[in-house]
C-alpha atoms as a PDB file:
ATOM      1  CA  MET A   1      85.133 139.951  78.423  1.00  0.00           C
ATOM      2  CA  VAL A   2      84.961 136.148  78.523  1.00  0.00           C
ATOM      3  CA  LYS A   3      88.248 134.421  79.232  1.00  0.00           C
ATOM      4  CA  GLU A   4      88.781 131.297  77.132  1.00  0.00           C
ATOM      5  CA  ARG A   5      89.526 128.132  79.099  1.00  0.00           C
ATOM      6  CA  ILE A   6      92.789 126.410  78.321  1.00  0.00           C
ATOM      7  CA  ALA A   7      92.590 122.636  78.125  1.00  0.00           C
ATOM      8  CA  TYR A   8      95.529 120.322  78.792  1.00  0.00           C
ATOM      9  CA  ARG A   9      96.851 116.876  78.074  1.00  0.00           C
ATOM     10  CA  ILE A  10      98.369 115.185  81.102  1.00  0.00           C
ATOM     11  CA  CYS A  11     100.657 112.184  81.504  1.00  0.00           C
ATOM     12  CA  PRO A  12      99.032 109.502  83.662  1.00  0.00           C
ATOM     13  CA  LYS A  13     102.476 108.336  84.828  1.00  0.00           C
ATOM     14  CA  CYS A  14     104.478 111.479  85.705  1.00  0.00           C
ATOM     15  CA  ALA A  15     101.740 114.179  85.594  1.00  0.00           C
ATOM     16  CA  ARG A  16     103.554 116.295  82.987  1.00  0.00           C
ATOM     17  CA  ALA A  17     100.984 118.639  81.456  1.00  0.00           C
ATOM     18  CA  VAL A  18     100.994 120.371  78.075  1.00  0.00           C
ATOM     19  CA  PRO A  19      98.390 122.675  76.527  1.00  0.00           C
ATOM     20  CA  LEU A  20      95.998 120.816  74.220  1.00  0.00           C
ATOM     21  CA  GLU A  21      97.031 123.087  71.351  1.00  0.00           C
ATOM     22  CA  SER A  22     100.638 121.779  71.544  1.00  0.00           C
ATOM     23  CA  LYS A  23      99.704 118.695  69.452  1.00  0.00           C
ATOM     24  CA  GLU A  24     101.932 116.449  71.631  1.00  0.00           C
ATOM     25  CA  THR A  25     100.293 113.055  72.134  1.00  0.00           C
ATOM     26  CA  PHE A  26     102.996 111.191  74.070  1.00  0.00           C
ATOM     27  CA  CYS A  27     104.959 112.253  77.149  1.00  0.00           C
ATOM     28  CA  SER A  28     108.533 113.245  76.382  1.00  0.00           C
ATOM     29  CA  ASN A  29     109.575 112.075  79.877  1.00  0.00           C
ATOM     30  CA  ASP A  30     108.389 108.471  79.759  1.00  0.00           C
ATOM     31  CA  GLY A  31     106.583 107.779  76.466  1.00  0.00           C
ATOM     32  CA  GLU A  32     103.099 107.362  77.986  1.00  0.00           C
ATOM     33  CA  LYS A  33     100.086 108.425  75.903  1.00  0.00           C
ATOM     34  CA  LEU A  34      98.810 111.753  77.251  1.00  0.00           C
ATOM     35  CA  LEU A  35      95.218 111.960  78.478  1.00  0.00           C
ATOM     36  CA  GLU A  36      93.084 114.641  76.797  1.00  0.00           C
ATOM     37  CA  SER A  37      90.087 114.075  79.048  1.00  0.00           C
ATOM     38  CA  CYS A  38      88.903 111.982  81.964  1.00  0.00           C
ATOM     39  CA  PRO A  39      88.792 108.317  80.916  1.00  0.00           C
ATOM     40  CA  SER A  40      85.548 107.844  82.885  1.00  0.00           C
ATOM     41  CA  CYS A  41      83.379 110.847  82.025  1.00  0.00           C
ATOM     42  CA  GLN A  42      85.289 112.514  79.139  1.00  0.00           C
ATOM     43  CA  ASN A  43      85.412 115.849  81.002  1.00  0.00           C
ATOM     44  CA  PRO A  44      88.275 118.012  79.627  1.00  0.00           C
ATOM     45  CA  ILE A  45      91.369 118.554  81.775  1.00  0.00           C
ATOM     46  CA  ILE A  46      91.392 122.263  82.583  1.00  0.00           C
ATOM     47  CA  SER A  47      94.246 122.483  85.108  1.00  0.00           C
ATOM     48  CA  PRO A  48      97.875 121.469  84.572  1.00  0.00           C
ATOM     49  CA  TYR A  49      98.031 120.493  88.284  1.00  0.00           C
ATOM     50  CA  THR A  50      95.047 118.169  88.378  1.00  0.00           C
ATOM     51  CA  ARG A  51      95.263 114.712  89.905  1.00  0.00           C
ATOM     52  CA  PHE A  52      91.549 113.869  89.968  1.00  0.00           C
ATOM     53  CA  CYS A  53      88.745 114.679  87.542  1.00  0.00           C
ATOM     54  CA  SER A  54      86.864 117.752  88.750  1.00  0.00           C
ATOM     55  CA  ASN A  55      83.617 116.301  87.376  1.00  0.00           C
ATOM     56  CA  CYS A  56      83.537 112.675  88.596  1.00  0.00           C
ATOM     57  CA  GLY A  57      86.544 112.303  90.942  1.00  0.00           C
ATOM     58  CA  THR A  58      88.370 109.634  88.915  1.00  0.00           C
ATOM     59  CA  GLU A  59      92.116 109.581  89.574  1.00  0.00           C
ATOM     60  CA  LEU A  60      93.959 110.556  86.391  1.00  0.00           C
ATOM     61  CA  ARG A  61      97.352 109.170  87.394  1.00  0.00           C
ATOM     62  CA  SER A  62      98.170 105.510  86.976  1.00  0.00           C
ATOM     63  CA  LYS A  63      99.559 103.687  89.963  1.00  0.00           C
END
C-alpha cells in the first residue's frame, strides 16, 4: 500500500497551512498569497509545519 503525499499551501507571513486541495489561495489571517511550492526550486510543500524548503533550504517565511 502506497500512502499518497499531502501537499500544502503555506502563508509566508504567519505560517498558516492549508491542504492544497482546499483551493484557498490567500491567507484568511492576513491576506497574504499562499505559497504552493518553494519560490527557489519549486519543490512542493509537504509538511504543514515547514519553515525551510526540504530540497534547497530556502526560508519560506517572509521577514
